[in-house]
Amino acid sequence: MAKFIGFSPGTTAAMVTSGLCATLMIGAAAPAGATAPAPAPPAPPSVSALSWEVMDARTGTVLGAAAPHRRLPPASTLKTLFAVTVLPKLSRTTVHRATSADLSEVAEGSSMVGVDEGSRYTVADLWRGVFLSSGNDAVHTLARMNGGLSRTLAEMQATAVRIGARDTQVRSPDGFDTPGQYSSAHDLALIAKEGIKNADFRRYMGTKWALFPASGGPNAYEIQNTNRLLVGSHGVEPYPGLIGVKNGYTSQAGCTLVSAATRGGRTLLVTVMNPQDESFNAVYEESRALLDWGFEAAPLRALQGSGPQHPTTARTSAPATAGPAAAPERTADTGPGLTRHIGAAAALLVLACVPALVRRRLRKRRTAR
């Protein structure tokens, strides 16, 4: 039976309880060697884009997003789906003489690399025209080489279905504004994730300058990648570690950009669609801010555990951040861990009994007087 000794006549139950609580709190301190929980990822930056997403390119984990499934005109970022679909089918060394039929369905107002009827180009030349100059003339030439426009559109749609890009509807191979055509920030990240598995895709998306055609000649000229975040132009500083992917603009889509960058062995994909900020380089600077955030947030998220990841999405006015990873399922503790839990439970039981025992002791003292 527990004995309580040394109480003065003025001792109260509250005083004893308080003292025992302090003792138990000291005894319940974290065991030696325990590590503090990992800090939560920082909140993402405030951006004006109607839709954005940050994805880990290796795992497909979405680190953060705002309206990532909102269906919007993709502009020339849809050329990434064209490349994923057609690039593996045509040998880069095949030589093609451009014809008027190749260029007959290029929409007026399209961006062009300058495919010239009667000139000879390798498939690699044409792909550089697609990725660097966003040339719709190069896209349509390759589509004709792939069996025609209808076949190419059907294959692009099938590719979107295969990789899970369910927000994408294809109506043109080049992303030019077409009724009923749309994609989403999430789908464009998925498409880029698929694309970078292909070495040629990676090579073309990361090329900054090229001679068009590469064989030279009196009519050859230099082309530069229009992705300012890659090359550094028009007041935009190049982003360290950027490896691609594709930018775009149309009157309906506004500015769009899919970016891929590598740092510390991790590659992130960032999609930004239609920033409402009207500054000249908003799409590039918002992508930069999201890349910076992603590289800071991803390691912290990884430290939080390997449980299922369920990032929060939000409206653009309240962008989502990756929440803490779900706690892994616990199994029964064994050994010293179980002993500690039993000991803590016993201590709490004793604490619950203290007030009654103290009151009984004090009554006995008063009776004995």
Protein backbone atom coordinates (compact mmCIF):
# COMPACT_ATOMS: atom_id res chain seq x y z
CA MET A 1 0.00 0.00 0.00
CA ALA A 2 1.33 3.43 -0.93
CA LYS A 3 2.45 5.61 2.01
CA PHE A 4 2.53 9.40 1.91
CA ILE A 5 4.78 10.85 4.57
CA GLY A 6 6.20 14.22 5.38
CA PHE A 7 3.00 16.23 4.80
CA SER A 8 2.67 19.29 6.96
CA PRO A 9 -0.75 20.16 8.41
CA GLY A 10 -1.15 22.83 5.70
CA THR A 11 -0.49 20.49 2.81
CA THR A 12 -3.28 20.41 0.25
CA ALA A 13 -4.18 17.92 -2.44
CA ALA A 14 -3.51 20.54 -5.13
CA MET A 15 0.04 21.09 -3.84
CA VAL A 16 0.82 17.39 -3.86
CA THR A 17 -0.76 16.90 -7.25
CA SER A 18 1.20 19.84 -8.66
CA GLY A 19 4.48 18.43 -7.37
CA LEU A 20 3.79 14.96 -8.69
CA CYS A 21 2.78 16.40 -12.08
CA ALA A 22 6.13 18.18 -12.32
CA THR A 23 7.93 14.93 -11.45
CA LEU A 24 5.99 12.97 -14.05
CA MET A 25 6.60 15.62 -16.72
CA ILE A 26 10.32 15.39 -16.10
CA GLY A 27 10.16 11.60 -16.23
CA ALA A 28 8.15 11.70 -19.45
CA ALA A 29 10.72 13.77 -21.32
CA ALA A 30 11.67 12.52 -24.79
CA PRO A 31 14.15 9.66 -24.64
CA ALA A 32 17.77 10.43 -25.43
CA GLY A 33 18.49 10.46 -29.13
CA ALA A 34 14.90 11.30 -30.19
CA THR A 35 14.72 13.63 -33.18
CA ALA A 36 12.41 16.62 -33.53
CA PRO A 37 9.68 16.35 -36.16
CA ALA A 38 10.64 17.65 -39.60
CA PRO A 39 9.53 21.23 -40.30
CA ALA A 40 6.52 21.63 -42.55
CA PRO A 41 7.13 22.81 -46.13
CA PRO A 42 6.83 26.58 -46.56
CA ALA A 43 3.73 28.11 -48.11
CA PRO A 44 3.97 28.51 -51.89
CA PRO A 45 4.49 31.96 -53.37
CA SER A 46 1.52 34.06 -54.39
CA VAL A 47 1.18 33.95 -58.18
CA SER A 48 -1.43 35.33 -60.56
CA ALA A 49 -1.73 32.32 -62.91
CA LEU A 50 -5.21 30.91 -63.41
CA SER A 51 -3.72 27.45 -62.91
CA TRP A 52 -0.37 26.03 -61.83
CA GLU A 53 1.23 22.82 -60.59
CA VAL A 54 4.59 21.68 -59.21
CA MET A 55 5.38 17.99 -59.76
CA ASP A 56 8.32 15.73 -58.94
CA ALA A 57 9.39 14.43 -62.36
CA ARG A 58 10.58 11.06 -61.07
CA THR A 59 7.71 10.05 -58.83
CA GLY A 60 4.86 12.11 -60.22
CA THR A 61 4.14 13.44 -56.72
CA VAL A 62 2.31 16.78 -56.86
CA LEU A 63 4.02 19.09 -54.38
CA GLY A 64 1.59 21.96 -54.78
CA ALA A 65 -1.07 23.24 -57.15
CA ALA A 66 -3.87 25.71 -57.72
CA ALA A 67 -6.78 24.69 -59.98
CA PRO A 68 -4.53 22.05 -61.63
CA HIS A 69 -7.42 20.42 -63.54
CA ARG A 70 -8.91 23.63 -64.86
CA ARG A 71 -9.31 23.21 -68.60
CA LEU A 72 -7.65 26.06 -70.48
CA PRO A 73 -6.24 26.71 -73.96
CA PRO A 74 -2.66 25.38 -73.86
CA ALA A 75 -1.08 27.36 -76.72
CA SER A 76 2.25 25.92 -77.91
CA THR A 77 2.79 23.88 -74.76
CA LEU A 78 0.58 21.32 -76.55
CA LYS A 79 3.52 20.75 -78.89
CA THR A 80 4.95 18.61 -76.08
CA LEU A 81 2.11 16.13 -76.61
CA PHE A 82 2.78 16.22 -80.35
CA ALA A 83 6.43 15.41 -79.67
CA VAL A 84 5.67 12.61 -77.20
CA THR A 85 3.41 11.06 -79.84
CA VAL A 86 5.35 11.50 -83.08
CA LEU A 87 9.01 11.82 -82.11
CA PRO A 88 9.61 8.07 -81.53
CA LYS A 89 8.14 7.21 -84.94
CA LEU A 90 10.45 9.17 -87.24
CA SER A 91 14.20 8.66 -87.58
CA ARG A 92 16.09 11.86 -86.84
CA THR A 93 18.32 11.36 -89.90
CA THR A 94 15.49 11.03 -92.44
CA VAL A 95 15.67 13.81 -95.03
CA HIS A 96 12.47 15.43 -96.27
CA ARG A 97 11.91 17.94 -99.08
CA ALA A 98 9.22 20.38 -97.98
CA THR A 99 6.15 20.74 -100.18
CA SER A 100 3.26 23.17 -100.40
CA ALA A 101 0.98 20.44 -99.02
CA ASP A 102 3.05 20.32 -95.83
CA LEU A 103 2.27 23.96 -95.17
CA SER A 104 -1.29 24.16 -96.48
CA GLU A 105 -2.99 23.74 -93.09
CA VAL A 106 -0.79 26.08 -91.06
CA ALA A 107 -3.12 28.65 -89.49
CA GLU A 108 -2.68 32.30 -90.35
CA GLY A 109 -0.85 34.14 -87.59
CA SER A 110 1.13 31.06 -86.56
CA SER A 111 4.67 31.21 -85.24
CA MET A 112 7.04 29.89 -87.90
CA VAL A 113 10.62 28.64 -88.07
CA GLY A 114 10.77 29.22 -91.82
CA VAL A 115 10.28 25.86 -93.54
CA ASP A 116 10.72 26.68 -97.21
CA GLU A 117 8.94 24.78 -99.96
CA GLY A 118 11.47 22.79 -101.99
CA SER A 119 14.20 22.90 -99.30
CA ARG A 120 15.55 19.75 -97.70
CA TYR A 121 15.46 19.20 -93.93
CA THR A 122 16.29 16.33 -91.66
CA VAL A 123 13.73 15.26 -89.09
CA ALA A 124 16.15 16.58 -86.44
CA ASP A 125 16.08 20.00 -88.16
CA LEU A 126 12.31 20.03 -88.01
CA TRP A 127 12.21 19.04 -84.33
CA ARG A 128 14.60 21.88 -83.50
CA GLY A 129 12.20 24.13 -85.39
CA VAL A 130 9.39 22.85 -83.17
CA PHE A 131 11.16 23.21 -79.83
CA LEU A 132 13.27 26.30 -80.38
CA SER A 133 11.14 28.49 -82.67
CA SER A 134 7.76 26.92 -81.83
CA GLY A 135 7.35 26.59 -85.60
CA ASN A 136 3.87 25.52 -86.60
CA ASP A 137 5.23 25.01 -90.12
CA ALA A 138 7.66 22.40 -88.74
CA VAL A 139 4.83 20.72 -86.79
CA HIS A 140 2.61 20.39 -89.85
CA THR A 141 5.49 19.10 -91.96
CA LEU A 142 6.20 16.37 -89.39
CA ALA A 143 2.48 15.59 -89.11
CA ARG A 144 2.34 15.02 -92.88
CA MET A 145 5.36 12.74 -92.60
CA ASN A 146 3.50 10.85 -89.84
CA GLY A 147 0.58 10.03 -92.17
CA GLY A 148 -1.40 13.24 -92.16
CA LEU A 149 -3.19 15.60 -89.83
CA SER A 150 -6.20 13.42 -88.98
CA ARG A 151 -4.06 10.45 -88.07
CA THR A 152 -1.72 12.58 -85.99
CA LEU A 153 -4.56 14.19 -84.02
CA ALA A 154 -6.07 10.78 -83.27
CA GLU A 155 -2.71 9.46 -82.10
CA MET A 156 -2.15 12.52 -79.90
CA GLN A 157 -5.51 11.99 -78.25
CA ALA A 158 -4.72 8.32 -77.71
CA THR A 159 -1.40 9.28 -76.13
CA ALA A 160 -3.15 11.66 -73.76
CA VAL A 161 -5.51 8.87 -72.69
CA ARG A 162 -2.63 6.41 -72.26
CA ILE A 163 -0.66 8.62 -69.88
CA GLY A 164 -3.71 9.73 -67.89
CA ALA A 165 -4.01 13.27 -69.28
CA ARG A 166 -7.79 13.28 -68.93
CA ASP A 167 -8.23 17.04 -69.08
CA THR A 168 -6.84 17.27 -72.63
CA GLN A 169 -8.82 17.53 -75.83
CA VAL A 170 -6.79 17.81 -79.05
CA ARG A 171 -7.99 19.77 -82.07
CA SER A 172 -4.69 20.96 -83.57
CA PRO A 173 -1.18 19.47 -83.48
CA ASP A 174 0.52 22.77 -82.66
CA GLY A 175 -1.65 24.27 -79.90
CA PHE A 176 -3.00 27.11 -82.03
CA ASP A 177 -6.36 28.40 -80.72
CA THR A 178 -9.03 26.00 -81.96
CA PRO A 179 -12.60 25.64 -80.64
CA GLY A 180 -12.95 22.69 -78.26
CA GLN A 181 -9.21 22.36 -77.59
CA TYR A 182 -7.95 22.51 -74.02
CA SER A 183 -5.56 21.01 -71.51
CA SER A 184 -4.64 21.60 -67.86
CA ALA A 185 -1.62 22.33 -65.71
CA HIS A 186 -1.69 18.77 -64.39
CA ASP A 187 -1.93 17.20 -67.85
CA LEU A 188 0.90 19.31 -69.25
CA ALA A 189 3.10 18.23 -66.34
CA LEU A 190 2.20 14.59 -67.02
CA ILE A 191 3.02 15.03 -70.71
CA ALA A 192 6.39 16.60 -69.90
CA LYS A 193 7.09 13.81 -67.41
CA GLU A 194 6.48 11.31 -70.20
CA GLY A 195 8.53 13.31 -72.69
CA ILE A 196 11.71 13.54 -70.66
CA LYS A 197 11.94 9.76 -70.63
CA ASN A 198 13.02 10.10 -74.29
CA ALA A 199 16.63 11.16 -74.87
CA ASP A 200 15.79 13.01 -78.10
CA PHE A 201 12.99 14.91 -76.38
CA ARG A 202 15.43 15.98 -73.66
CA ARG A 203 18.02 16.99 -76.24
CA TYR A 204 15.65 19.17 -78.27
CA MET A 205 13.92 20.79 -75.30
CA GLY A 206 17.29 21.84 -73.83
CA THR A 207 18.86 23.17 -77.05
CA LYS A 208 19.41 26.91 -76.85
CA TRP A 209 20.71 27.74 -80.34
CA ALA A 210 20.94 25.87 -83.63
CA LEU A 211 21.61 26.37 -87.32
CA PHE A 212 18.52 25.83 -89.46
CA PRO A 213 19.03 23.62 -91.36
CA ALA A 214 22.05 22.14 -89.59
CA SER A 215 23.70 21.25 -92.91
CA GLY A 216 24.31 24.93 -93.51
CA GLY A 217 24.33 26.52 -96.93
CA PRO A 218 23.56 30.01 -98.17
CA ASN A 219 19.99 29.94 -96.86
CA ALA A 220 20.79 28.59 -93.38
CA TYR A 221 20.40 30.84 -90.32
CA GLU A 222 20.65 30.64 -86.57
CA ILE A 223 17.55 30.07 -84.45
CA GLN A 224 17.31 30.65 -80.70
CA ASN A 225 15.03 28.98 -78.18
CA THR A 226 12.14 31.28 -77.32
CA ASN A 227 12.03 29.99 -73.72
CA ARG A 228 13.51 32.98 -71.92
CA LEU A 229 13.96 31.07 -68.68
CA LEU A 230 16.28 28.68 -70.54
CA VAL A 231 18.40 31.08 -72.59
CA GLY A 232 18.12 34.31 -70.60
CA SER A 233 16.68 37.05 -72.81
CA HIS A 234 14.26 39.99 -72.84
CA GLY A 235 15.14 40.88 -69.27
CA VAL A 236 14.77 37.34 -67.89
CA GLU A 237 17.73 35.76 -66.12
CA PRO A 238 18.27 32.07 -67.02
CA TYR A 239 17.16 29.72 -64.26
CA PRO A 240 20.04 27.62 -62.81
CA GLY A 241 19.54 23.96 -63.64
CA LEU A 242 16.75 24.53 -66.17
CA ILE A 243 16.66 21.74 -68.78
CA GLY A 244 13.48 22.65 -70.81
CA VAL A 245 10.53 22.28 -71.67
CA LYS A 246 8.20 24.56 -73.71
CA ASN A 247 6.62 28.01 -73.68
CA GLY A 248 3.59 29.29 -75.58
CA TYR A 249 1.31 32.22 -76.25
CA THR A 250 -1.96 32.85 -78.06
CA SER A 251 -4.59 35.53 -77.65
CA GLN A 252 -6.99 33.07 -76.01
CA ALA A 253 -4.48 31.13 -73.91
CA GLY A 254 -2.38 34.04 -72.78
CA CYS A 255 1.13 33.00 -71.76
CA THR A 256 1.77 29.39 -70.84
CA LEU A 257 4.97 27.67 -69.76
CA VAL A 258 6.07 24.17 -68.78
CA SER A 259 9.49 24.17 -67.10
CA ALA A 260 11.81 21.39 -65.99
CA ALA A 261 14.81 22.00 -63.76
CA THR A 262 17.24 19.77 -61.90
CA ARG A 263 18.93 20.48 -58.55
CA GLY A 264 20.59 18.12 -56.09
CA GLY A 265 19.57 15.05 -58.07
CA ARG A 266 15.88 16.03 -58.10
CA THR A 267 13.99 17.18 -61.22
CA LEU A 268 10.86 19.29 -60.84
CA LEU A 269 8.19 20.13 -63.41
CA VAL A 270 6.29 23.40 -63.14
CA THR A 271 3.30 24.36 -65.28
CA VAL A 272 2.01 27.93 -65.27
CA MET A 273 -1.07 28.85 -67.31
CA ASN A 274 -2.26 32.35 -68.12
CA PRO A 275 -0.88 34.69 -65.44
CA GLN A 276 -3.22 37.63 -64.82
CA ASP A 277 -0.28 39.85 -63.96
CA GLU A 278 0.19 41.91 -67.11
CA SER A 279 3.92 42.48 -66.67
CA PHE A 280 6.01 41.46 -69.67
CA ASN A 281 7.71 38.41 -68.16
CA ALA A 282 5.13 37.30 -65.59
CA VAL A 283 4.92 33.69 -66.81
CA TYR A 284 8.70 33.28 -66.46
CA GLU A 285 9.05 34.96 -63.08
CA GLU A 286 6.07 33.09 -61.60
CA SER A 287 7.58 29.85 -62.87
CA ARG A 288 10.90 30.82 -61.29
CA ALA A 289 9.22 31.47 -57.94
CA LEU A 290 7.42 28.12 -58.04
CA LEU A 291 10.61 26.26 -58.96
CA ASP A 292 12.42 27.91 -56.04
CA TRP A 293 9.58 26.95 -53.72
CA GLY A 294 9.45 23.39 -55.03
CA PHE A 295 13.14 22.80 -54.47
CA GLU A 296 12.79 24.08 -50.91
CA ALA A 297 9.58 22.20 -50.14
CA ALA A 298 10.40 18.81 -51.70
CA PRO A 299 13.19 17.75 -49.28
CA LEU A 300 11.11 18.82 -46.26
CA ARG A 301 8.18 16.85 -47.51
CA ALA A 302 10.38 13.79 -48.03
CA LEU A 303 11.56 14.06 -44.41
CA GLN A 304 8.00 13.92 -43.15
CA GLY A 305 7.69 10.26 -44.01
CA SER A 306 6.83 7.88 -46.78
CA GLY A 307 3.10 7.64 -46.16
CA PRO A 308 0.51 8.43 -48.81
CA GLN A 309 0.82 11.95 -50.21
CA HIS A 310 -2.37 13.97 -50.66
CA PRO A 311 -1.45 17.53 -51.62
CA THR A 312 -4.15 20.14 -51.18
CA THR A 313 -5.42 22.05 -54.18
CA ALA A 314 -6.97 25.46 -53.95
CA ARG A 315 -8.36 28.35 -55.88
CA THR A 316 -5.84 30.73 -57.38
CA SER A 317 -6.66 33.28 -54.69
CA ALA A 318 -5.59 30.75 -52.06
CA PRO A 319 -2.95 28.55 -53.66
CA ALA A 320 -2.47 25.10 -52.29
CA THR A 321 0.57 23.81 -50.55
CA ALA A 322 1.65 20.30 -49.96
CA GLY A 323 0.43 19.36 -46.52
CA PRO A 324 2.33 17.15 -44.12
CA ALA A 325 2.66 13.57 -45.21
CA ALA A 326 0.15 11.17 -43.71
CA ALA A 327 1.54 9.45 -40.65
CA PRO A 328 2.55 5.87 -41.36
CA GLU A 329 0.42 3.17 -39.82
CA ARG A 330 1.79 2.16 -36.44
CA THR A 331 2.24 -1.42 -35.39
CA ALA A 332 2.34 -2.71 -31.81
CA ASP A 333 5.39 -1.52 -29.90
CA THR A 334 7.64 -4.14 -28.37
CA GLY A 335 10.59 -4.14 -26.00
CA PRO A 336 11.59 -0.92 -24.22
CA GLY A 337 9.04 1.15 -26.11
CA LEU A 338 6.18 -0.90 -24.68
CA THR A 339 7.68 -0.65 -21.19
CA ARG A 340 7.76 3.13 -21.45
CA HIS A 341 4.09 3.28 -22.48
CA ILE A 342 3.04 0.99 -19.58
CA GLY A 343 5.07 3.05 -17.14
CA ALA A 344 3.46 6.26 -18.32
CA ALA A 345 -0.01 4.74 -17.98
CA ALA A 346 0.76 3.60 -14.42
CA ALA A 347 2.04 7.04 -13.50
CA LEU A 348 -1.16 8.65 -14.79
CA LEU A 349 -3.22 6.19 -12.73
CA VAL A 350 -1.28 7.11 -9.58
CA LEU A 351 -1.76 10.80 -10.38
CA ALA A 352 -5.52 10.30 -10.64
CA CYS A 353 -5.58 8.68 -7.16
CA VAL A 354 -3.45 11.29 -5.39
CA PRO A 355 -6.21 13.81 -4.44
CA ALA A 356 -8.36 11.17 -2.68
CA LEU A 357 -5.40 9.71 -0.79
CA VAL A 358 -4.22 13.11 0.35
CA ARG A 359 -7.69 14.09 1.58
CA ARG A 360 -7.91 10.81 3.55
CA ARG A 361 -4.49 11.42 5.14
CA LEU A 362 -5.41 14.96 6.15
CA ARG A 363 -8.73 13.82 7.71
CA LYS A 364 -6.82 11.27 9.82
CA ARG A 365 -4.45 13.96 11.08
CA ARG A 366 -7.37 16.22 12.10
CA THR A 367 -9.13 13.31 13.88
CA ALA A 368 -6.00 12.43 15.85
CA ARG A 369 -5.77 15.96 17.34
